[in-house]
């Protein structure tokens, strides 16, 4: 099933950003472009983006900023987070506080 256009547009927007955005910025922007959307919707979008193999910077930054803020990621992200972390360098892991 193809991804909804608003999701692709949101992911494209964050993929090209060069500032220090966080998962909260992504979730806030999602709520602006899709009224009634929540962090639960963001989780699905991030997992779908990873499954498709697109928007790697957005997926990585969303997950790492979420991890930094909470000290873990929710169970919905377990597989995606593990796969993303397998491609993160040791220095990046140290910088993000990933064990």
PDB file of N, CA and C in Angstrom:
ATOM      1  N   UNK A   1       0.849  -1.182   0.000  1.00  0.00           N
ATOM      2  CA  UNK A   1       0.000   0.000   0.000  1.00  0.00           C
ATOM      3  C   UNK A   1       0.892   1.243   0.000  1.00  0.00           C
ATOM      4  N   UNK A   2       0.659   2.161  -0.912  1.00  0.00           N
ATOM      5  CA  UNK A   2       1.490   3.366  -0.976  1.00  0.00           C
ATOM      6  C   UNK A   2       1.281   4.253   0.250  1.00  0.00           C
ATOM      7  N   UNK A   3       2.330   4.979   0.588  1.00  0.00           N
ATOM      8  CA  UNK A   3       2.268   5.888   1.726  1.00  0.00           C
ATOM      9  C   UNK A   3       1.474   7.131   1.347  1.00  0.00           C
ATOM     10  N   UNK A   4       0.696   7.632   2.283  1.00  0.00           N
ATOM     11  CA  UNK A   4      -0.105   8.844   2.051  1.00  0.00           C
ATOM     12  C   UNK A   4       0.812  10.020   1.721  1.00  0.00           C
ATOM     13  N   UNK A   5       0.338  10.884   0.856  1.00  0.00           N
ATOM     14  CA  UNK A   5       1.135  12.027   0.395  1.00  0.00           C
ATOM     15  C   UNK A   5       1.558  12.938   1.545  1.00  0.00           C
ATOM     16  N   UNK A   6       0.668  13.168   2.527  1.00  0.00           N
ATOM     17  CA  UNK A   6       1.040  14.058   3.628  1.00  0.00           C
ATOM     18  C   UNK A   6       2.204  13.471   4.430  1.00  0.00           C
ATOM     19  N   UNK A   7       2.272  12.151   4.514  1.00  0.00           N
ATOM     20  CA  UNK A   7       3.378  11.504   5.221  1.00  0.00           C
ATOM     21  C   UNK A   7       4.676  11.676   4.443  1.00  0.00           C
ATOM     22  N   UNK A   8       4.609  11.445   3.141  1.00  0.00           N
ATOM     23  CA  UNK A   8       5.798  11.614   2.308  1.00  0.00           C
ATOM     24  C   UNK A   8       6.304  13.048   2.360  1.00  0.00           C
ATOM     25  N   UNK A   9       5.388  13.997   2.287  1.00  0.00           N
ATOM     26  CA  UNK A   9       5.765  15.406   2.324  1.00  0.00           C
ATOM     27  C   UNK A   9       6.422  15.753   3.661  1.00  0.00           C
ATOM     28  N   UNK A  10       5.857  15.261   4.752  1.00  0.00           N
ATOM     29  CA  UNK A  10       6.425  15.495   6.080  1.00  0.00           C
ATOM     30  C   UNK A  10       7.822  14.885   6.186  1.00  0.00           C
ATOM     31  N   UNK A  11       7.973  13.658   5.745  1.00  0.00           N
ATOM     32  CA  UNK A  11       9.273  12.994   5.786  1.00  0.00           C
ATOM     33  C   UNK A  11      10.290  13.709   4.904  1.00  0.00           C
ATOM     34  N   UNK A  12       9.873  14.133   3.718  1.00  0.00           N
ATOM     35  CA  UNK A  12      10.760  14.901   2.835  1.00  0.00           C
ATOM     36  C   UNK A  12      11.222  16.184   3.513  1.00  0.00           C
ATOM     37  N   UNK A  13      10.288  16.862   4.174  1.00  0.00           N
ATOM     38  CA  UNK A  13      10.601  18.115   4.863  1.00  0.00           C
ATOM     39  C   UNK A  13      11.685  17.900   5.921  1.00  0.00           C
ATOM     40  N   UNK A  14      11.544  16.866   6.722  1.00  0.00           N
ATOM     41  CA  UNK A  14      12.513  16.626   7.796  1.00  0.00           C
ATOM     42  C   UNK A  14      13.813  16.028   7.272  1.00  0.00           C
ATOM     43  N   UNK A  15      13.755  15.311   6.181  1.00  0.00           N
ATOM     44  CA  UNK A  15      14.969  14.727   5.604  1.00  0.00           C
ATOM     45  C   UNK A  15      15.933  15.814   5.139  1.00  0.00           C
ATOM     46  N   UNK A  16      15.404  16.953   4.727  1.00  0.00           N
ATOM     47  CA  UNK A  16      16.257  18.028   4.205  1.00  0.00           C
ATOM     48  C   UNK A  16      16.626  19.075   5.247  1.00  0.00           C
ATOM     49  N   UNK A  17      16.093  18.953   6.449  1.00  0.00           N
ATOM     50  CA  UNK A  17      16.410  19.939   7.495  1.00  0.00           C
ATOM     51  C   UNK A  17      17.847  19.770   7.963  1.00  0.00           C
ATOM     52  N   UNK A  18      18.476  20.900   8.294  1.00  0.00           N
ATOM     53  CA  UNK A  18      19.861  20.855   8.767  1.00  0.00           C
ATOM     54  C   UNK A  18      20.002  21.393  10.190  1.00  0.00           C
ATOM     55  N   UNK A  19      18.880  21.701  10.827  1.00  0.00           N
ATOM     56  CA  UNK A  19      18.935  22.198  12.202  1.00  0.00           C
ATOM     57  C   UNK A  19      18.924  21.020  13.184  1.00  0.00           C
ATOM     58  N   UNK A  20      18.905  21.326  14.441  1.00  0.00           N
ATOM     59  CA  UNK A  20      18.952  20.313  15.498  1.00  0.00           C
ATOM     60  C   UNK A  20      17.541  19.904  15.939  1.00  0.00           C
ATOM     61  N   UNK A  21      16.704  19.493  15.007  1.00  0.00           N
ATOM     62  CA  UNK A  21      15.329  19.136  15.334  1.00  0.00           C
ATOM     63  C   UNK A  21      15.287  17.836  16.139  1.00  0.00           C
ATOM     64  N   UNK A  22      14.168  17.654  16.849  1.00  0.00           N
ATOM     65  CA  UNK A  22      13.983  16.458  17.669  1.00  0.00           C
ATOM     66  C   UNK A  22      12.683  15.742  17.291  1.00  0.00           C
ATOM     67  N   UNK A  23      12.486  14.603  17.910  1.00  0.00           N
ATOM     68  CA  UNK A  23      11.249  13.846  17.687  1.00  0.00           C
ATOM     69  C   UNK A  23      10.024  14.693  18.023  1.00  0.00           C
ATOM     70  N   UNK A  24      10.148  15.567  19.025  1.00  0.00           N
ATOM     71  CA  UNK A  24       9.020  16.421  19.415  1.00  0.00           C
ATOM     72  C   UNK A  24       8.672  17.408  18.305  1.00  0.00           C
ATOM     73  N   UNK A  25       9.679  17.913  17.601  1.00  0.00           N
ATOM     74  CA  UNK A  25       9.426  18.809  16.467  1.00  0.00           C
ATOM     75  C   UNK A  25       8.684  18.066  15.360  1.00  0.00           C
ATOM     76  N   UNK A  26       9.089  16.838  15.102  1.00  0.00           N
ATOM     77  CA  UNK A  26       8.431  16.014  14.089  1.00  0.00           C
ATOM     78  C   UNK A  26       6.969  15.782  14.468  1.00  0.00           C
ATOM     79  N   UNK A  27       6.735  15.415  15.714  1.00  0.00           N
ATOM     80  CA  UNK A  27       5.368  15.144  16.171  1.00  0.00           C
ATOM     81  C   UNK A  27       4.508  16.406  16.141  1.00  0.00           C
ATOM     82  N   UNK A  28       5.096  17.534  16.508  1.00  0.00           N
ATOM     83  CA  UNK A  28       4.366  18.804  16.474  1.00  0.00           C
ATOM     84  C   UNK A  28       3.985  19.157  15.035  1.00  0.00           C
ATOM     85  N   UNK A  29       4.934  18.999  14.133  1.00  0.00           N
ATOM     86  CA  UNK A  29       4.670  19.319  12.724  1.00  0.00           C
ATOM     87  C   UNK A  29       3.622  18.370  12.145  1.00  0.00           C
ATOM     88  N   UNK A  30       3.675  17.119  12.519  1.00  0.00           N
ATOM     89  CA  UNK A  30       2.660  16.159  12.085  1.00  0.00           C
ATOM     90  C   UNK A  30       1.281  16.636  12.509  1.00  0.00           C
ATOM     91  N   UNK A  31       1.160  17.112  13.736  1.00  0.00           N
ATOM     92  CA  UNK A  31      -0.116  17.625  14.225  1.00  0.00           C
ATOM     93  C   UNK A  31      -0.600  18.842  13.464  1.00  0.00           C
ATOM     94  N   UNK A  32       0.339  19.613  12.912  1.00  0.00           N
ATOM     95  CA  UNK A  32      -0.032  20.781  12.112  1.00  0.00           C
ATOM     96  C   UNK A  32      -0.535  20.380  10.729  1.00  0.00           C
ATOM     97  N   UNK A  33       0.107  19.387  10.133  1.00  0.00           N
ATOM     98  CA  UNK A  33      -0.283  18.992   8.771  1.00  0.00           C
ATOM     99  C   UNK A  33      -1.446  18.004   8.755  1.00  0.00           C
ATOM    100  N   UNK A  34      -1.667  17.339   9.872  1.00  0.00           N
ATOM    101  CA  UNK A  34      -2.755  16.358   9.956  1.00  0.00           C
ATOM    102  C   UNK A  34      -3.437  16.524  11.309  1.00  0.00           C
ATOM    103  N   UNK A  35      -4.458  17.326  11.335  1.00  0.00           N
ATOM    104  CA  UNK A  35      -5.170  17.606  12.583  1.00  0.00           C
ATOM    105  C   UNK A  35      -5.614  16.302  13.247  1.00  0.00           C
ATOM    106  N   UNK A  36      -5.400  16.240  14.547  1.00  0.00           N
ATOM    107  CA  UNK A  36      -5.787  15.057  15.297  1.00  0.00           C
ATOM    108  C   UNK A  36      -4.730  13.971  15.348  1.00  0.00           C
ATOM    109  N   UNK A  37      -3.638  14.134  14.603  1.00  0.00           N
ATOM    110  CA  UNK A  37      -2.569  13.136  14.625  1.00  0.00           C
ATOM    111  C   UNK A  37      -1.816  13.241  15.949  1.00  0.00           C
ATOM    112  N   UNK A  38      -1.291  12.116  16.406  1.00  0.00           N
ATOM    113  CA  UNK A  38      -0.581  12.086  17.682  1.00  0.00           C
ATOM    114  C   UNK A  38       0.773  11.400  17.524  1.00  0.00           C
ATOM    115  N   UNK A  39       1.459  11.273  18.648  1.00  0.00           N
ATOM    116  CA  UNK A  39       2.749  10.593  18.620  1.00  0.00           C
ATOM    117  C   UNK A  39       2.593   9.126  18.213  1.00  0.00           C
ATOM    118  N   UNK A  40       1.431   8.550  18.434  1.00  0.00           N
ATOM    119  CA  UNK A  40       1.193   7.180  17.978  1.00  0.00           C
ATOM    120  C   UNK A  40       1.258   7.111  16.451  1.00  0.00           C
ATOM    121  N   UNK A  41       0.708   8.121  15.803  1.00  0.00           N
ATOM    122  CA  UNK A  41       0.770   8.186  14.339  1.00  0.00           C
ATOM    123  C   UNK A  41       2.211   8.371  13.875  1.00  0.00           C
ATOM    124  N   UNK A  42       2.960   9.189  14.606  1.00  0.00           N
ATOM    125  CA  UNK A  42       4.367   9.423  14.259  1.00  0.00           C
ATOM    126  C   UNK A  42       5.155   8.119  14.313  1.00  0.00           C
ATOM    127  N   UNK A  43       4.885   7.296  15.303  1.00  0.00           N
ATOM    128  CA  UNK A  43       5.576   6.007  15.417  1.00  0.00           C
ATOM    129  C   UNK A  43       5.368   5.169  14.160  1.00  0.00           C
ATOM    130  N   UNK A  44       4.130   5.107  13.706  1.00  0.00           N
ATOM    131  CA  UNK A  44       3.837   4.341  12.500  1.00  0.00           C
ATOM    132  C   UNK A  44       4.529   4.905  11.276  1.00  0.00           C
ATOM    133  N   UNK A  45       4.557   6.221  11.175  1.00  0.00           N
ATOM    134  CA  UNK A  45       5.208   6.866  10.030  1.00  0.00           C
ATOM    135  C   UNK A  45       6.699   6.556  10.021  1.00  0.00           C
ATOM    136  N   UNK A  46       7.338   6.655  11.176  1.00  0.00           N
ATOM    137  CA  UNK A  46       8.778   6.388  11.260  1.00  0.00           C
ATOM    138  C   UNK A  46       9.071   4.925  10.937  1.00  0.00           C
ATOM    139  N   UNK A  47       8.307   4.012  11.483  1.00  0.00           N
ATOM    140  CA  UNK A  47       8.516   2.593  11.174  1.00  0.00           C
ATOM    141  C   UNK A  47       8.269   2.301   9.700  1.00  0.00           C
ATOM    142  N   UNK A  48       7.234   2.896   9.126  1.00  0.00           N
ATOM    143  CA  UNK A  48       6.956   2.708   7.697  1.00  0.00           C
ATOM    144  C   UNK A  48       8.084   3.267   6.839  1.00  0.00           C
ATOM    145  N   UNK A  49       8.584   4.442   7.206  1.00  0.00           N
ATOM    146  CA  UNK A  49       9.683   5.058   6.449  1.00  0.00           C
ATOM    147  C   UNK A  49      10.907   4.150   6.469  1.00  0.00           C
ATOM    148  N   UNK A  50      11.183   3.569   7.614  1.00  0.00           N
ATOM    149  CA  UNK A  50      12.320   2.652   7.719  1.00  0.00           C
ATOM    150  C   UNK A  50      12.084   1.396   6.876  1.00  0.00           C
ATOM    151  N   UNK A  51      10.891   0.861   6.930  1.00  0.00           N
ATOM    152  CA  UNK A  51      10.566  -0.345   6.158  1.00  0.00           C
ATOM    153  C   UNK A  51      10.718  -0.127   4.663  1.00  0.00           C
ATOM    154  N   UNK A  52      10.344   1.068   4.220  1.00  0.00           N
ATOM    155  CA  UNK A  52      10.450   1.409   2.804  1.00  0.00           C
ATOM    156  C   UNK A  52      11.909   1.637   2.408  1.00  0.00           C
ATOM    157  N   UNK A  53      12.744   1.975   3.390  1.00  0.00           N
ATOM    158  CA  UNK A  53      14.157   2.218   3.109  1.00  0.00           C
ATOM    159  C   UNK A  53      14.454   3.629   2.650  1.00  0.00           C
ATOM    160  N   UNK A  54      13.520   4.537   2.908  1.00  0.00           N
ATOM    161  CA  UNK A  54      13.714   5.935   2.518  1.00  0.00           C
ATOM    162  C   UNK A  54      13.790   6.789   3.775  1.00  0.00           C
ATOM    163  N   UNK A  55      14.215   8.015   3.606  1.00  0.00           N
ATOM    164  CA  UNK A  55      14.288   8.995   4.692  1.00  0.00           C
ATOM    165  C   UNK A  55      15.150   8.512   5.864  1.00  0.00           C
ATOM    166  N   UNK A  56      16.347   7.986   5.583  1.00  0.00           N
ATOM    167  CA  UNK A  56      17.177   7.429   6.666  1.00  0.00           C
ATOM    168  C   UNK A  56      17.598   8.458   7.711  1.00  0.00           C
ATOM    169  N   UNK A  57      17.850   9.682   7.303  1.00  0.00           N
ATOM    170  CA  UNK A  57      18.258  10.706   8.270  1.00  0.00           C
ATOM    171  C   UNK A  57      17.118  11.050   9.218  1.00  0.00           C
ATOM    172  N   UNK A  58      15.912  11.101   8.690  1.00  0.00           N
ATOM    173  CA  UNK A  58      14.744  11.410   9.510  1.00  0.00           C
ATOM    174  C   UNK A  58      14.482  10.289  10.505  1.00  0.00           C
ATOM    175  N   UNK A  59      14.519   9.067  10.035  1.00  0.00           N
ATOM    176  CA  UNK A  59      14.293   7.912  10.910  1.00  0.00           C
ATOM    177  C   UNK A  59      15.341   7.894  12.020  1.00  0.00           C
ATOM    178  N   UNK A  60      16.594   8.038  11.635  1.00  0.00           N
ATOM    179  CA  UNK A  60      17.694   7.989  12.601  1.00  0.00           C
ATOM    180  C   UNK A  60      17.580   9.102  13.635  1.00  0.00           C
ATOM    181  N   UNK A  61      17.375  10.333  13.187  1.00  0.00           N
ATOM    182  CA  UNK A  61      17.322  11.460  14.123  1.00  0.00           C
ATOM    183  C   UNK A  61      16.091  11.374  15.030  1.00  0.00           C
ATOM    184  N   UNK A  62      14.958  10.982  14.483  1.00  0.00           N
ATOM    185  CA  UNK A  62      13.759  10.820  15.308  1.00  0.00           C
ATOM    186  C   UNK A  62      14.045   9.821  16.430  1.00  0.00           C
ATOM    187  N   UNK A  63      14.572   8.667  16.079  1.00  0.00           N
ATOM    188  CA  UNK A  63      14.812   7.624  17.073  1.00  0.00           C
ATOM    189  C   UNK A  63      15.874   8.023  18.089  1.00  0.00           C
ATOM    190  N   UNK A  64      16.969   8.616  17.624  1.00  0.00           N
ATOM    191  CA  UNK A  64      18.045   8.970  18.548  1.00  0.00           C
ATOM    192  C   UNK A  64      17.659  10.108  19.482  1.00  0.00           C
ATOM    193  N   UNK A  65      16.900  11.074  18.995  1.00  0.00           N
ATOM    194  CA  UNK A  65      16.462  12.147  19.898  1.00  0.00           C
ATOM    195  C   UNK A  65      15.431  11.619  20.887  1.00  0.00           C
ATOM    196  N   UNK A  66      14.619  10.678  20.450  1.00  0.00           N
ATOM    197  CA  UNK A  66      13.657  10.044  21.350  1.00  0.00           C
ATOM    198  C   UNK A  66      14.395   9.249  22.427  1.00  0.00           C
ATOM    199  N   UNK A  67      15.402   8.510  22.016  1.00  0.00           N
ATOM    200  CA  UNK A  67      16.198   7.728  22.963  1.00  0.00           C
ATOM    201  C   UNK A  67      16.891   8.640  23.968  1.00  0.00           C
ATOM    202  N   UNK A  68      17.472   9.710  23.473  1.00  0.00           N
ATOM    203  CA  UNK A  68      18.179  10.638  24.359  1.00  0.00           C
ATOM    204  C   UNK A  68      17.225  11.235  25.396  1.00  0.00           C
ATOM    205  N   UNK A  69      16.036  11.563  24.995  1.00  0.00           N
ATOM    206  CA  UNK A  69      15.066  12.188  25.902  1.00  0.00           C
ATOM    207  C   UNK A  69      14.522  11.212  26.944  1.00  0.00           C
ATOM    208  N   UNK A  70      14.322   9.961  26.551  1.00  0.00           N
ATOM    209  CA  UNK A  70      13.647   9.004  27.431  1.00  0.00           C
ATOM    210  C   UNK A  70      14.551   7.909  27.997  1.00  0.00           C
ATOM    211  N   UNK A  71      15.746   7.757  27.425  1.00  0.00           N
ATOM    212  CA  UNK A  71      16.639   6.699  27.890  1.00  0.00           C
ATOM    213  C   UNK A  71      16.326   5.338  27.303  1.00  0.00           C
ATOM    214  N   UNK A  72      15.324   5.299  26.436  1.00  0.00           N
ATOM    215  CA  UNK A  72      14.944   4.075  25.732  1.00  0.00           C
ATOM    216  C   UNK A  72      13.986   4.465  24.612  1.00  0.00           C
ATOM    217  N   UNK A  73      13.565   3.492  23.849  1.00  0.00           N
ATOM    218  CA  UNK A  73      12.522   3.730  22.848  1.00  0.00           C
ATOM    219  C   UNK A  73      11.375   2.778  23.144  1.00  0.00           C
ATOM    220  N   UNK A  74      10.191   3.139  22.718  1.00  0.00           N
ATOM    221  CA  UNK A  74       9.028   2.293  22.976  1.00  0.00           C
ATOM    222  C   UNK A  74       9.154   0.972  22.220  1.00  0.00           C
ATOM    223  N   UNK A  75       8.421  -0.002  22.683  1.00  0.00           N
ATOM    224  CA  UNK A  75       8.509  -1.345  22.103  1.00  0.00           C
ATOM    225  C   UNK A  75       8.183  -1.366  20.614  1.00  0.00           C
ATOM    226  N   UNK A  76       7.360  -0.436  20.162  1.00  0.00           N
ATOM    227  CA  UNK A  76       7.032  -0.373  18.728  1.00  0.00           C
ATOM    228  C   UNK A  76       8.267  -0.109  17.867  1.00  0.00           C
ATOM    229  N   UNK A  77       9.294   0.470  18.482  1.00  0.00           N
ATOM    230  CA  UNK A  77      10.513   0.816  17.755  1.00  0.00           C
ATOM    231  C   UNK A  77      11.644  -0.188  17.940  1.00  0.00           C
ATOM    232  N   UNK A  78      11.446  -1.246  18.681  1.00  0.00           N
ATOM    233  CA  UNK A  78      12.547  -2.158  19.029  1.00  0.00           C
ATOM    234  C   UNK A  78      13.344  -2.619  17.815  1.00  0.00           C
ATOM    235  N   UNK A  79      12.673  -3.183  16.834  1.00  0.00           N
ATOM    236  CA  UNK A  79      13.378  -3.696  15.651  1.00  0.00           C
ATOM    237  C   UNK A  79      14.008  -2.571  14.845  1.00  0.00           C
ATOM    238  N   UNK A  80      13.255  -1.516  14.615  1.00  0.00           N
ATOM    239  CA  UNK A  80      13.763  -0.392  13.828  1.00  0.00           C
ATOM    240  C   UNK A  80      14.971   0.231  14.514  1.00  0.00           C
ATOM    241  N   UNK A  81      14.884   0.443  15.821  1.00  0.00           N
ATOM    242  CA  UNK A  81      15.985   1.049  16.567  1.00  0.00           C
ATOM    243  C   UNK A  81      17.230   0.164  16.502  1.00  0.00           C
ATOM    244  N   UNK A  82      17.057  -1.125  16.683  1.00  0.00           N
ATOM    245  CA  UNK A  82      18.190  -2.049  16.615  1.00  0.00           C
ATOM    246  C   UNK A  82      18.851  -1.994  15.233  1.00  0.00           C
ATOM    247  N   UNK A  83      18.046  -1.975  14.180  1.00  0.00           N
ATOM    248  CA  UNK A  83      18.591  -1.919  12.825  1.00  0.00           C
ATOM    249  C   UNK A  83      19.303  -0.599  12.566  1.00  0.00           C
ATOM    250  N   UNK A  84      18.726   0.495  13.012  1.00  0.00           N
ATOM    251  CA  UNK A  84      19.364   1.802  12.827  1.00  0.00           C
ATOM    252  C   UNK A  84      20.676   1.852  13.599  1.00  0.00           C
ATOM    253  N   UNK A  85      20.665   1.383  14.833  1.00  0.00           N
ATOM    254  CA  UNK A  85      21.872   1.435  15.666  1.00  0.00           C
ATOM    255  C   UNK A  85      22.992   0.553  15.126  1.00  0.00           C
ATOM    256  N   UNK A  86      22.642  -0.469  14.374  1.00  0.00           N
ATOM    257  CA  UNK A  86      23.680  -1.337  13.810  1.00  0.00           C
ATOM    258  C   UNK A  86      24.529  -0.606  12.774  1.00  0.00           C
ATOM    259  N   UNK A  87      24.011   0.496  12.244  1.00  0.00           N
ATOM    260  CA  UNK A  87      24.773   1.260  11.252  1.00  0.00           C
ATOM    261  C   UNK A  87      25.342   2.559  11.819  1.00  0.00           C
ATOM    262  N   UNK A  88      25.163   2.779  13.121  1.00  0.00           N
ATOM    263  CA  UNK A  88      25.664   3.987  13.768  1.00  0.00           C
ATOM    264  C   UNK A  88      27.074   3.708  14.275  1.00  0.00           C
ATOM    265  N   UNK A  89      27.978   4.648  14.070  1.00  0.00           N
ATOM    266  CA  UNK A  89      29.354   4.469  14.523  1.00  0.00           C
ATOM    267  C   UNK A  89      29.430   4.512  16.046  1.00  0.00           C
ATOM    268  N   UNK A  90      30.519   3.988  16.578  1.00  0.00           N
ATOM    269  CA  UNK A  90      30.716   4.009  18.028  1.00  0.00           C
ATOM    270  C   UNK A  90      30.740   5.432  18.566  1.00  0.00           C
ATOM    271  N   UNK A  91      31.355   6.350  17.823  1.00  0.00           N
ATOM    272  CA  UNK A  91      31.400   7.742  18.292  1.00  0.00           C
ATOM    273  C   UNK A  91      30.011   8.374  18.282  1.00  0.00           C
ATOM    274  N   UNK A  92      29.187   8.018  17.292  1.00  0.00           N
ATOM    275  CA  UNK A  92      27.806   8.512  17.279  1.00  0.00           C
ATOM    276  C   UNK A  92      27.019   7.939  18.455  1.00  0.00           C
ATOM    277  N   UNK A  93      27.203   6.653  18.718  1.00  0.00           N
ATOM    278  CA  UNK A  93      26.517   6.034  19.853  1.00  0.00           C
ATOM    279  C   UNK A  93      26.891   6.743  21.148  1.00  0.00           C
ATOM    280  N   UNK A  94      28.168   7.023  21.295  1.00  0.00           N
ATOM    281  CA  UNK A  94      28.629   7.721  22.494  1.00  0.00           C
ATOM    282  C   UNK A  94      28.014   9.112  22.585  1.00  0.00           C
ATOM    283  N   UNK A  95      27.988   9.828  21.476  1.00  0.00           N
ATOM    284  CA  UNK A  95      27.428  11.186  21.456  1.00  0.00           C
ATOM    285  C   UNK A  95      25.939  11.188  21.805  1.00  0.00           C
ATOM    286  N   UNK A  96      25.218  10.176  21.381  1.00  0.00           N
ATOM    287  CA  UNK A  96      23.779  10.088  21.634  1.00  0.00           C
ATOM    288  C   UNK A  96      23.461   9.376  22.943  1.00  0.00           C
ATOM    289  N   UNK A  97      24.467   8.779  23.573  1.00  0.00           N
ATOM    290  CA  UNK A  97      24.227   8.069  24.826  1.00  0.00           C
ATOM    291  C   UNK A  97      23.620   6.694  24.639  1.00  0.00           C
ATOM    292  N   UNK A  98      23.839   6.108  23.474  1.00  0.00           N
ATOM    293  CA  UNK A  98      23.303   4.778  23.174  1.00  0.00           C
ATOM    294  C   UNK A  98      24.301   3.734  23.653  1.00  0.00           C
ATOM    295  N   UNK A  99      23.808   2.771  24.391  1.00  0.00           N
ATOM    296  CA  UNK A  99      24.687   1.714  24.915  1.00  0.00           C
ATOM    297  C   UNK A  99      24.733   0.531  23.998  1.00  0.00           C
TER     298      UNK A  99
END
